[in-house]
Amino acid sequence: MVQKPPFPKNPEVPAKTVSEDAILKIAKEIAIKFIEVGRLTPSTFDKTFKDIHRTIEETVEEHE
């Protein structure tokens, strides 16, 4: 798979910050979807949720 370059920053559009609350809500929704499709179980929840949350945080930081 070919990676696309990141979106160029537009100096005319101010950067929006993403709150920790928003990151938690997104991580929760992804975790729920993973549970629904059987990719997340109670025994793997702790590690998987942390991985999901960290990935979202890193992605947000890259684009801010």
PDB file of N, CA and C in Angstrom:
ATOM      1  N   MET A   1       0.845  -1.174   0.000  1.00  0.00           N
ATOM      2  CA  MET A   1       0.000   0.000   0.000  1.00  0.00           C
ATOM      3  C   MET A   1       0.889   1.236   0.000  1.00  0.00           C
ATOM      4  N   VAL A   2       0.563   2.194  -0.824  1.00  0.00           N
ATOM      5  CA  VAL A   2       1.332   3.425  -0.936  1.00  0.00           C
ATOM      6  C   VAL A   2       0.789   4.431   0.066  1.00  0.00           C
ATOM      7  N   GLN A   3       1.699   5.009   0.859  1.00  0.00           N
ATOM      8  CA  GLN A   3       1.270   6.014   1.821  1.00  0.00           C
ATOM      9  C   GLN A   3       1.155   7.363   1.139  1.00  0.00           C
ATOM     10  N   LYS A   4       0.074   8.058   1.449  1.00  0.00           N
ATOM     11  CA  LYS A   4      -0.118   9.397   0.916  1.00  0.00           C
ATOM     12  C   LYS A   4       0.593  10.385   1.832  1.00  0.00           C
ATOM     13  N   PRO A   5       1.099  11.478   1.276  1.00  0.00           N
ATOM     14  CA  PRO A   5       1.714  12.485   2.140  1.00  0.00           C
ATOM     15  C   PRO A   5       0.647  13.126   3.015  1.00  0.00           C
ATOM     16  N   PRO A   6       1.035  13.669   4.173  1.00  0.00           N
ATOM     17  CA  PRO A   6       0.044  14.303   5.040  1.00  0.00           C
ATOM     18  C   PRO A   6      -0.580  15.511   4.346  1.00  0.00           C
ATOM     19  N   PHE A   7      -1.764  15.860   4.806  1.00  0.00           N
ATOM     20  CA  PHE A   7      -2.442  17.015   4.244  1.00  0.00           C
ATOM     21  C   PHE A   7      -1.594  18.260   4.473  1.00  0.00           C
ATOM     22  N   PRO A   8      -1.457  19.099   3.461  1.00  0.00           N
ATOM     23  CA  PRO A   8      -0.694  20.336   3.671  1.00  0.00           C
ATOM     24  C   PRO A   8      -1.477  21.257   4.598  1.00  0.00           C
ATOM     25  N   LYS A   9      -0.764  21.971   5.428  1.00  0.00           N
ATOM     26  CA  LYS A   9      -1.427  22.900   6.343  1.00  0.00           C
ATOM     27  C   LYS A   9      -1.772  24.171   5.591  1.00  0.00           C
ATOM     28  N   ASN A  10      -2.990  24.606   5.780  1.00  0.00           N
ATOM     29  CA  ASN A  10      -3.462  25.820   5.142  1.00  0.00           C
ATOM     30  C   ASN A  10      -3.307  26.960   6.146  1.00  0.00           C
ATOM     31  N   PRO A  11      -2.446  27.942   5.870  1.00  0.00           N
ATOM     32  CA  PRO A  11      -2.231  29.020   6.838  1.00  0.00           C
ATOM     33  C   PRO A  11      -3.468  29.886   7.055  1.00  0.00           C
ATOM     34  N   GLU A  12      -4.423  29.821   6.147  1.00  0.00           N
ATOM     35  CA  GLU A  12      -5.631  30.624   6.289  1.00  0.00           C
ATOM     36  C   GLU A  12      -6.639  29.993   7.242  1.00  0.00           C
ATOM     37  N   VAL A  13      -6.493  28.703   7.503  1.00  0.00           N
ATOM     38  CA  VAL A  13      -7.431  27.997   8.371  1.00  0.00           C
ATOM     39  C   VAL A  13      -6.742  27.731   9.702  1.00  0.00           C
ATOM     40  N   PRO A  14      -7.278  28.285  10.797  1.00  0.00           N
ATOM     41  CA  PRO A  14      -6.636  28.048  12.093  1.00  0.00           C
ATOM     42  C   PRO A  14      -6.746  26.576  12.496  1.00  0.00           C
ATOM     43  N   ALA A  15      -5.706  26.073  13.144  1.00  0.00           N
ATOM     44  CA  ALA A  15      -5.704  24.677  13.592  1.00  0.00           C
ATOM     45  C   ALA A  15      -6.713  24.507  14.720  1.00  0.00           C
ATOM     46  N   LYS A  16      -7.438  23.412  14.688  1.00  0.00           N
ATOM     47  CA  LYS A  16      -8.395  23.107  15.749  1.00  0.00           C
ATOM     48  C   LYS A  16      -7.742  22.136  16.711  1.00  0.00           C
ATOM     49  N   THR A  17      -7.939  22.366  17.979  1.00  0.00           N
ATOM     50  CA  THR A  17      -7.393  21.440  18.959  1.00  0.00           C
ATOM     51  C   THR A  17      -8.452  20.397  19.287  1.00  0.00           C
ATOM     52  N   VAL A  18      -7.996  19.214  19.597  1.00  0.00           N
ATOM     53  CA  VAL A  18      -8.891  18.117  19.946  1.00  0.00           C
ATOM     54  C   VAL A  18      -8.726  17.854  21.436  1.00  0.00           C
ATOM     55  N   SER A  19      -9.818  17.902  22.166  1.00  0.00           N
ATOM     56  CA  SER A  19      -9.754  17.716  23.615  1.00  0.00           C
ATOM     57  C   SER A  19      -9.541  16.248  23.970  1.00  0.00           C
ATOM     58  N   GLU A  20      -9.058  16.022  25.176  1.00  0.00           N
ATOM     59  CA  GLU A  20      -8.877  14.659  25.674  1.00  0.00           C
ATOM     60  C   GLU A  20     -10.228  13.945  25.722  1.00  0.00           C
ATOM     61  N   ASP A  21     -11.280  14.684  26.036  1.00  0.00           N
ATOM     62  CA  ASP A  21     -12.620  14.102  26.072  1.00  0.00           C
ATOM     63  C   ASP A  21     -13.024  13.576  24.694  1.00  0.00           C
ATOM     64  N   ALA A  22     -12.720  14.341  23.659  1.00  0.00           N
ATOM     65  CA  ALA A  22     -13.043  13.915  22.292  1.00  0.00           C
ATOM     66  C   ALA A  22     -12.247  12.673  21.911  1.00  0.00           C
ATOM     67  N   ILE A  23     -10.972  12.634  22.298  1.00  0.00           N
ATOM     68  CA  ILE A  23     -10.136  11.466  22.006  1.00  0.00           C
ATOM     69  C   ILE A  23     -10.694  10.233  22.704  1.00  0.00           C
ATOM     70  N   LEU A  24     -11.110  10.379  23.964  1.00  0.00           N
ATOM     71  CA  LEU A  24     -11.695   9.245  24.694  1.00  0.00           C
ATOM     72  C   LEU A  24     -12.983   8.760  24.035  1.00  0.00           C
ATOM     73  N   LYS A  25     -13.817   9.684  23.577  1.00  0.00           N
ATOM     74  CA  LYS A  25     -15.070   9.303  22.914  1.00  0.00           C
ATOM     75  C   LYS A  25     -14.801   8.538  21.620  1.00  0.00           C
ATOM     76  N   ILE A  26     -13.816   8.997  20.855  1.00  0.00           N
ATOM     77  CA  ILE A  26     -13.467   8.316  19.608  1.00  0.00           C
ATOM     78  C   ILE A  26     -12.928   6.923  19.905  1.00  0.00           C
ATOM     79  N   ALA A  27     -12.042   6.827  20.903  1.00  0.00           N
ATOM     80  CA  ALA A  27     -11.471   5.528  21.285  1.00  0.00           C
ATOM     81  C   ALA A  27     -12.572   4.575  21.744  1.00  0.00           C
ATOM     82  N   LYS A  28     -13.540   5.102  22.489  1.00  0.00           N
ATOM     83  CA  LYS A  28     -14.656   4.276  22.959  1.00  0.00           C
ATOM     84  C   LYS A  28     -15.465   3.732  21.791  1.00  0.00           C
ATOM     85  N   GLU A  29     -15.763   4.584  20.820  1.00  0.00           N
ATOM     86  CA  GLU A  29     -16.541   4.146  19.660  1.00  0.00           C
ATOM     87  C   GLU A  29     -15.806   3.080  18.863  1.00  0.00           C
ATOM     88  N   ILE A  30     -14.501   3.243  18.709  1.00  0.00           N
ATOM     89  CA  ILE A  30     -13.710   2.236  17.994  1.00  0.00           C
ATOM     90  C   ILE A  30     -13.700   0.931  18.775  1.00  0.00           C
ATOM     91  N   ALA A  31     -13.533   1.011  20.101  1.00  0.00           N
ATOM     92  CA  ALA A  31     -13.534  -0.192  20.936  1.00  0.00           C
ATOM     93  C   ALA A  31     -14.877  -0.913  20.829  1.00  0.00           C
ATOM     94  N   ILE A  32     -15.963  -0.165  20.830  1.00  0.00           N
ATOM     95  CA  ILE A  32     -17.296  -0.770  20.700  1.00  0.00           C
ATOM     96  C   ILE A  32     -17.411  -1.517  19.370  1.00  0.00           C
ATOM     97  N   LYS A  33     -16.942  -0.905  18.299  1.00  0.00           N
ATOM     98  CA  LYS A  33     -16.979  -1.581  16.990  1.00  0.00           C
ATOM     99  C   LYS A  33     -16.141  -2.853  17.009  1.00  0.00           C
ATOM    100  N   PHE A  34     -14.964  -2.794  17.627  1.00  0.00           N
ATOM    101  CA  PHE A  34     -14.116  -3.984  17.723  1.00  0.00           C
ATOM    102  C   PHE A  34     -14.800  -5.085  18.529  1.00  0.00           C
ATOM    103  N   ILE A  35     -15.518  -4.718  19.586  1.00  0.00           N
ATOM    104  CA  ILE A  35     -16.259  -5.707  20.379  1.00  0.00           C
ATOM    105  C   ILE A  35     -17.353  -6.335  19.517  1.00  0.00           C
ATOM    106  N   GLU A  36     -18.076  -5.494  18.767  1.00  0.00           N
ATOM    107  CA  GLU A  36     -19.173  -5.982  17.926  1.00  0.00           C
ATOM    108  C   GLU A  36     -18.704  -6.982  16.873  1.00  0.00           C
ATOM    109  N   VAL A  37     -17.516  -6.793  16.328  1.00  0.00           N
ATOM    110  CA  VAL A  37     -17.025  -7.699  15.288  1.00  0.00           C
ATOM    111  C   VAL A  37     -16.135  -8.804  15.848  1.00  0.00           C
ATOM    112  N   GLY A  38     -15.985  -8.849  17.172  1.00  0.00           N
ATOM    113  CA  GLY A  38     -15.242  -9.931  17.807  1.00  0.00           C
ATOM    114  C   GLY A  38     -13.736  -9.763  17.833  1.00  0.00           C
ATOM    115  N   ARG A  39     -13.240  -8.565  17.566  1.00  0.00           N
ATOM    116  CA  ARG A  39     -11.791  -8.330  17.577  1.00  0.00           C
ATOM    117  C   ARG A  39     -11.284  -7.894  18.938  1.00  0.00           C
ATOM    118  N   LEU A  40     -12.191  -7.627  19.871  1.00  0.00           N
ATOM    119  CA  LEU A  40     -11.817  -7.178  21.208  1.00  0.00           C
ATOM    120  C   LEU A  40     -12.591  -8.001  22.221  1.00  0.00           C
ATOM    121  N   THR A  41     -11.858  -8.581  23.173  1.00  0.00           N
ATOM    122  CA  THR A  41     -12.477  -9.412  24.207  1.00  0.00           C
ATOM    123  C   THR A  41     -12.140  -8.830  25.573  1.00  0.00           C
ATOM    124  N   PRO A  42     -12.864  -9.242  26.619  1.00  0.00           N
ATOM    125  CA  PRO A  42     -12.546  -8.740  27.962  1.00  0.00           C
ATOM    126  C   PRO A  42     -11.088  -8.981  28.364  1.00  0.00           C
ATOM    127  N   SER A  43     -10.519 -10.086  27.932  1.00  0.00           N
ATOM    128  CA  SER A  43      -9.140 -10.385  28.328  1.00  0.00           C
ATOM    129  C   SER A  43      -8.113  -9.490  27.627  1.00  0.00           C
ATOM    130  N   THR A  44      -8.475  -8.920  26.488  1.00  0.00           N
ATOM    131  CA  THR A  44      -7.535  -8.055  25.767  1.00  0.00           C
ATOM    132  C   THR A  44      -7.935  -6.585  25.809  1.00  0.00           C
ATOM    133  N   PHE A  45      -9.021  -6.280  26.532  1.00  0.00           N
ATOM    134  CA  PHE A  45      -9.549  -4.917  26.517  1.00  0.00           C
ATOM    135  C   PHE A  45      -8.526  -3.883  26.978  1.00  0.00           C
ATOM    136  N   ASP A  46      -7.874  -4.118  28.112  1.00  0.00           N
ATOM    137  CA  ASP A  46      -6.969  -3.126  28.695  1.00  0.00           C
ATOM    138  C   ASP A  46      -5.884  -2.707  27.706  1.00  0.00           C
ATOM    139  N   LYS A  47      -5.183  -3.662  27.170  1.00  0.00           N
ATOM    140  CA  LYS A  47      -4.088  -3.353  26.242  1.00  0.00           C
ATOM    141  C   LYS A  47      -4.616  -2.753  24.943  1.00  0.00           C
ATOM    142  N   THR A  48      -5.679  -3.341  24.412  1.00  0.00           N
ATOM    143  CA  THR A  48      -6.203  -2.875  23.126  1.00  0.00           C
ATOM    144  C   THR A  48      -6.735  -1.451  23.228  1.00  0.00           C
ATOM    145  N   PHE A  49      -7.467  -1.140  24.307  1.00  0.00           N
ATOM    146  CA  PHE A  49      -8.003   0.213  24.457  1.00  0.00           C
ATOM    147  C   PHE A  49      -6.867   1.225  24.570  1.00  0.00           C
ATOM    148  N   LYS A  50      -5.828   0.879  25.327  1.00  0.00           N
ATOM    149  CA  LYS A  50      -4.670   1.778  25.443  1.00  0.00           C
ATOM    150  C   LYS A  50      -4.012   1.997  24.087  1.00  0.00           C
ATOM    151  N   ASP A  51      -3.899   0.934  23.300  1.00  0.00           N
ATOM    152  CA  ASP A  51      -3.310   1.049  21.959  1.00  0.00           C
ATOM    153  C   ASP A  51      -4.157   1.952  21.059  1.00  0.00           C
ATOM    154  N   ILE A  52      -5.476   1.768  21.117  1.00  0.00           N
ATOM    155  CA  ILE A  52      -6.388   2.597  20.319  1.00  0.00           C
ATOM    156  C   ILE A  52      -6.229   4.061  20.719  1.00  0.00           C
ATOM    157  N   HIS A  53      -6.279   4.320  22.030  1.00  0.00           N
ATOM    158  CA  HIS A  53      -6.186   5.692  22.548  1.00  0.00           C
ATOM    159  C   HIS A  53      -4.860   6.337  22.148  1.00  0.00           C
ATOM    160  N   ARG A  54      -3.764   5.610  22.321  1.00  0.00           N
ATOM    161  CA  ARG A  54      -2.442   6.141  21.992  1.00  0.00           C
ATOM    162  C   ARG A  54      -2.340   6.463  20.493  1.00  0.00           C
ATOM    163  N   THR A  55      -2.875   5.586  19.662  1.00  0.00           N
ATOM    164  CA  THR A  55      -2.831   5.807  18.217  1.00  0.00           C
ATOM    165  C   THR A  55      -3.599   7.063  17.824  1.00  0.00           C
ATOM    166  N   ILE A  56      -4.757   7.266  18.418  1.00  0.00           N
ATOM    167  CA  ILE A  56      -5.546   8.466  18.127  1.00  0.00           C
ATOM    168  C   ILE A  56      -4.797   9.708  18.596  1.00  0.00           C
ATOM    169  N   GLU A  57      -4.241   9.665  19.814  1.00  0.00           N
ATOM    170  CA  GLU A  57      -3.473  10.805  20.329  1.00  0.00           C
ATOM    171  C   GLU A  57      -2.308  11.161  19.414  1.00  0.00           C
ATOM    172  N   GLU A  58      -1.565  10.151  18.988  1.00  0.00           N
ATOM    173  CA  GLU A  58      -0.413  10.389  18.110  1.00  0.00           C
ATOM    174  C   GLU A  58      -0.852  10.978  16.773  1.00  0.00           C
ATOM    175  N   THR A  59      -1.964  10.496  16.253  1.00  0.00           N
ATOM    176  CA  THR A  59      -2.477  11.011  14.984  1.00  0.00           C
ATOM    177  C   THR A  59      -2.894  12.468  15.123  1.00  0.00           C
ATOM    178  N   VAL A  60      -3.569  12.787  16.219  1.00  0.00           N
ATOM    179  CA  VAL A  60      -3.999  14.166  16.458  1.00  0.00           C
ATOM    180  C   VAL A  60      -2.783  15.075  16.596  1.00  0.00           C
ATOM    181  N   GLU A  61      -1.775  14.634  17.341  1.00  0.00           N
ATOM    182  CA  GLU A  61      -0.571  15.449  17.532  1.00  0.00           C
ATOM    183  C   GLU A  61       0.150  15.703  16.214  1.00  0.00           C
ATOM    184  N   GLU A  62       0.160  14.727  15.320  1.00  0.00           N
ATOM    185  CA  GLU A  62       0.814  14.890  14.015  1.00  0.00           C
ATOM    186  C   GLU A  62       0.151  15.974  13.182  1.00  0.00           C
ATOM    187  N   HIS A  63      -1.150  16.132  13.344  1.00  0.00           N
ATOM    188  CA  HIS A  63      -1.905  17.056  12.497  1.00  0.00           C
ATOM    189  C   HIS A  63      -2.188  18.390  13.165  1.00  0.00           C
ATOM    190  N   GLU A  64      -1.663  18.609  14.358  1.00  0.00           N
ATOM    191  CA  GLU A  64      -1.876  19.905  15.024  1.00  0.00           C
ATOM    192  C   GLU A  64      -0.704  20.814  14.782  1.00  0.00           C
TER     193      GLU A  64
END
